[in-house]
Protein backbone atom coordinates (compact mmCIF):
# COMPACT_ATOMS: atom_id res chain seq x y z
CA MET A 1 -6.11 -78.98 -34.71
CA LYS A 2 -2.55 -79.05 -33.32
CA THR A 3 -1.73 -75.89 -35.29
CA ASN A 4 -4.69 -74.08 -33.73
CA GLN A 5 -3.57 -75.13 -30.25
CA ILE A 6 -0.04 -73.82 -30.90
CA VAL A 7 -1.38 -70.46 -32.14
CA ALA A 8 -3.70 -70.15 -29.14
CA GLY A 9 -0.87 -70.93 -26.78
CA PHE A 10 1.39 -68.37 -28.42
CA LEU A 11 -1.27 -65.65 -28.14
CA ALA A 12 -1.78 -66.48 -24.47
CA VAL A 13 1.94 -66.09 -23.78
CA VAL A 14 1.98 -62.74 -25.61
CA MET A 15 -0.98 -61.46 -23.59
CA LEU A 16 0.54 -62.56 -20.29
CA THR A 17 3.83 -60.89 -21.18
CA ALA A 18 2.24 -57.65 -22.35
CA ALA A 19 -0.10 -57.23 -19.38
CA PRO A 20 2.59 -56.18 -16.85
CA LEU A 21 4.10 -53.81 -19.41
CA MET A 22 0.72 -52.21 -19.99
CA THR A 23 0.26 -51.84 -16.23
CA ILE A 24 3.69 -50.24 -15.82
CA ALA A 25 3.07 -47.87 -18.73
CA GLY A 26 -0.25 -46.86 -17.22
CA THR A 27 1.37 -46.23 -13.84
CA ASN A 28 4.34 -44.25 -15.07
CA GLY A 29 2.59 -42.33 -17.82
CA PRO A 30 1.91 -38.59 -17.74
CA GLU A 31 -0.06 -37.63 -14.64
CA LYS A 32 -2.96 -35.31 -14.84
CA ARG A 33 -2.14 -32.15 -12.91
CA SER A 34 -4.89 -30.70 -10.84
CA ALA A 35 -5.56 -27.07 -11.66
CA LYS A 36 -4.39 -24.77 -8.89
CA THR A 37 -6.65 -21.94 -7.85
CA VAL A 38 -4.79 -18.63 -7.93
CA ALA A 39 -6.06 -16.17 -5.34
CA LYS A 40 -7.07 -12.82 -6.78
CA PRO A 41 -5.83 -9.59 -5.18
CA VAL A 42 -8.30 -8.19 -2.66
CA THR A 43 -9.06 -4.47 -2.45
CA TYR A 44 -9.99 -2.61 0.72
CA ALA A 45 -11.65 0.78 0.26
CA VAL A 46 -10.58 3.45 2.76
CA ASP A 47 -13.33 4.98 4.89
CA PRO A 48 -12.58 8.75 4.96
CA GLU A 49 -14.81 9.25 8.00
CA GLN A 50 -12.86 6.80 10.15
CA SER A 51 -9.43 7.74 8.79
CA THR A 52 -7.31 10.65 9.99
CA VAL A 53 -4.36 12.66 8.71
CA VAL A 54 -2.80 14.90 11.38
CA TRP A 55 -0.11 17.39 10.35
CA ASN A 56 2.41 19.15 12.58
CA SER A 57 4.85 21.93 11.74
CA LYS A 58 7.38 23.45 14.13
CA LYS A 59 8.93 26.89 14.17
CA VAL A 60 11.16 28.86 16.52
CA GLY A 61 9.17 29.28 19.72
CA GLY A 62 6.12 27.25 18.76
CA GLU A 63 4.28 24.87 16.47
CA HIS A 64 1.02 24.35 14.62
CA THR A 65 -1.07 21.18 14.35
CA GLY A 66 -4.16 20.38 12.34
CA ASN A 67 -6.00 17.89 10.15
CA ILE A 68 -6.55 17.05 6.51
CA LYS A 69 -9.40 14.82 5.37
CA LEU A 70 -8.98 11.96 2.94
CA ALA A 71 -11.08 12.06 -0.21
CA LYS A 72 -10.59 8.41 -1.13
CA GLY A 73 -8.12 5.55 -1.05
CA GLU A 74 -7.61 1.82 -1.28
CA PHE A 75 -5.30 -0.94 -0.11
CA VAL A 76 -4.55 -4.03 -2.22
CA PHE A 77 -3.65 -7.33 -0.57
CA ASP A 78 -2.39 -10.59 -2.05
CA GLY A 79 -3.53 -13.06 0.56
CA LYS A 80 -2.25 -11.62 3.84
CA LYS A 81 0.40 -9.39 2.25
CA LEU A 82 -0.02 -5.72 1.43
CA THR A 83 1.07 -5.14 -2.18
CA ALA A 84 -0.29 -1.78 -3.35
CA GLY A 85 -2.38 1.25 -2.53
CA ASN A 86 -3.53 4.70 -3.66
CA PHE A 87 -4.70 7.56 -1.48
CA THR A 88 -6.00 11.07 -2.14
CA ALA A 89 -6.17 13.88 0.43
CA ASP A 90 -8.57 16.80 0.05
CA MET A 91 -6.33 19.80 0.71
CA THR A 92 -9.32 22.15 0.78
CA THR A 93 -10.24 20.61 4.16
CA LEU A 94 -6.93 21.61 5.75
CA SER A 95 -7.61 22.85 9.29
CA GLU A 96 -5.68 24.08 12.33
CA ASN A 97 -6.44 22.94 15.87
CA LYS A 98 -6.73 26.48 17.28
CA ASN A 99 -9.17 27.35 14.50
CA SER A 100 -7.01 30.24 13.38
CA GLU A 101 -8.49 31.49 10.13
CA ARG A 102 -5.34 33.50 9.50
CA VAL A 103 -3.10 30.43 9.79
CA VAL A 104 -5.37 28.26 7.63
CA ASN A 105 -5.66 30.87 4.88
CA HIS A 106 -1.90 31.34 4.86
CA LEU A 107 -1.29 27.58 4.63
CA LYS A 108 -3.69 27.38 1.70
CA SER A 109 -1.95 30.26 -0.09
CA ASP A 110 0.89 29.95 -2.59
CA ASP A 111 3.39 30.55 0.23
CA PHE A 112 2.64 26.98 1.31
CA PHE A 113 0.29 24.50 -0.40
CA GLY A 114 -1.34 26.62 -3.13
CA VAL A 115 -4.65 24.86 -2.56
CA GLU A 116 -6.60 26.81 -5.17
CA LYS A 117 -4.37 25.40 -7.92
CA ASN A 118 -3.60 22.12 -6.16
CA PRO A 119 -6.74 20.96 -4.31
CA THR A 120 -5.49 17.41 -3.76
CA ALA A 121 -2.38 15.61 -2.60
CA THR A 122 -1.80 11.96 -3.45
CA PHE A 123 0.27 8.98 -2.38
CA LYS A 124 0.80 5.85 -4.48
CA ILE A 125 2.55 2.79 -3.06
CA THR A 126 5.32 1.54 -5.36
CA LYS A 127 7.10 -0.97 -3.10
CA VAL A 128 6.28 -2.90 0.06
CA GLU A 129 8.77 -4.82 2.19
CA ALA A 130 7.59 -6.96 5.09
CA ILE A 131 9.60 -6.55 8.31
CA SER A 132 10.39 -10.03 9.59
CA GLY A 133 10.01 -10.70 13.30
CA ALA A 134 7.84 -7.63 13.93
CA LYS A 135 5.92 -7.87 17.19
CA ALA A 136 2.29 -6.88 17.62
CA GLY A 137 1.96 -3.11 17.51
CA GLU A 138 5.37 -2.61 15.91
CA PRO A 139 5.90 -1.60 12.26
CA ASN A 140 5.56 -4.71 10.10
CA TYR A 141 6.11 -3.08 6.70
CA ASN A 142 8.48 -0.61 5.10
CA VAL A 143 6.39 1.26 2.56
CA THR A 144 7.80 3.20 -0.39
CA GLY A 145 5.73 5.35 -2.67
CA ASP A 146 5.28 8.55 -4.65
CA LEU A 147 4.00 11.50 -2.63
CA MET A 148 2.54 14.34 -4.70
CA ILE A 149 2.14 17.73 -3.03
CA LYS A 150 1.57 21.05 -4.79
CA GLY A 151 2.00 19.39 -8.19
CA THR A 152 5.43 17.93 -7.37
CA THR A 153 6.00 14.19 -6.90
CA LYS A 154 8.83 12.78 -4.79
CA PRO A 155 9.57 9.28 -3.45
CA ILE A 156 9.31 8.64 0.28
CA THR A 157 9.82 5.57 2.49
CA PHE A 158 8.45 5.02 5.99
CA PRO A 159 7.62 2.19 8.42
CA ALA A 160 3.96 1.30 8.94
CA VAL A 161 1.85 -0.88 11.18
CA VAL A 162 -0.71 -2.71 9.04
CA LYS A 163 -3.38 -4.91 10.62
CA GLN A 164 -5.67 -7.05 8.49
CA ALA A 165 -8.53 -9.06 9.99
CA GLY A 166 -11.30 -10.49 7.84
CA ASP A 167 -13.08 -7.66 6.05
CA ASP A 168 -11.17 -4.92 7.88
CA VAL A 169 -7.75 -3.33 7.57
CA GLU A 170 -6.08 -0.56 9.57
CA ALA A 171 -2.76 1.13 8.88
CA THR A 172 -0.90 3.64 11.02
CA ALA A 173 2.30 5.48 10.14
CA LYS A 174 4.22 8.70 10.70
CA LEU A 175 5.84 10.45 7.75
CA THR A 176 8.44 13.19 7.90
CA VAL A 177 8.19 15.35 4.79
CA ASN A 178 10.82 17.83 3.60
CA ARG A 179 8.80 20.80 2.37
CA LEU A 180 11.73 22.20 0.39
CA GLU A 181 11.40 19.24 -2.01
CA TYR A 182 7.94 20.56 -2.87
CA ASP A 183 9.09 24.15 -3.39
CA ILE A 184 7.58 25.33 -0.09
CA LYS A 185 10.28 27.72 1.08
CA TYR A 186 8.41 30.33 3.09
CA ARG A 187 10.54 31.39 6.09
CA ALA A 188 13.04 28.60 5.45
CA ALA A 189 16.65 28.99 6.58
CA ILE A 190 17.83 28.32 3.03
CA ILE A 191 16.43 31.65 1.79
CA GLY A 192 18.11 33.69 4.53
CA THR A 193 15.24 33.95 7.02
CA ALA A 194 16.19 35.57 10.33
CA ALA A 195 17.03 32.90 12.91
CA ASP A 196 14.16 33.83 15.23
CA ARG A 197 11.58 33.54 12.42
CA ILE A 198 12.57 30.22 10.86
CA ILE A 199 9.98 27.53 10.19
CA GLU A 200 11.52 24.06 10.16
CA ASP A 201 12.16 22.48 6.77
CA THR A 202 10.23 19.33 7.68
CA PHE A 203 6.68 18.69 8.82
CA SER A 204 5.11 15.45 10.00
CA LEU A 205 2.00 13.55 8.94
CA ASP A 206 0.44 11.07 11.38
CA LEU A 207 -1.77 8.66 9.48
CA LYS A 208 -4.53 6.34 10.56
CA LEU A 209 -6.20 4.71 7.58
CA VAL A 210 -9.18 2.42 8.04
CA GLY A 211 -10.46 0.27 5.19
CA LYS A 212 -13.22 -2.23 4.43
CA LYS A 213 -13.04 -5.08 1.93
CA SER A 214 -14.64 -4.05 -1.35
CA LYS A 215 -17.48 -6.19 -2.64
CA PRO A 216 -16.75 -8.12 -5.88
CA MET A 217 -18.17 -6.47 -8.98
């Protein structure tokens, strides 16, 4: 009987001693990490009907301005940050504000954009840098990408104002393009054009791109 009491007492002491250790081990053991939800990139499809591309080219004693319609395009956002984008312009829609058929046909010829062989121009974003401290209405991104015109692709960087609100996004920017980089040399100073007939080496593109959030597949 006494032996049984001693054994029982010993077991009780062991249990009392082990209990705090078991509690500590349970407290300090590996914690289960809650799975974090990673937000998927969101795509906004450009609406060609609401978007505009306005071109302007200057020459000695005058200038020409017109429009080019977008065929398609998309922005990609990671949360609130623009990360990527692709855009295609339909060069066959190139127009001139004074509706000069002569000017339009010449611009579409091989002297300029060679539209028959190169019916589209494209721009693909390769790098986006947010501009810290940008105020409303001021450029909030520096955008770098590959601009393809007349079959030639060159990098270009420009500031842009990008506004995202719910299902909508709008981007505005002005690009200055050096036409000589795209082998468009008609009446350029570099080929010895008479001073009073020179067309400037650069032309501008004023962009307004409007997009709507794409529905999940």
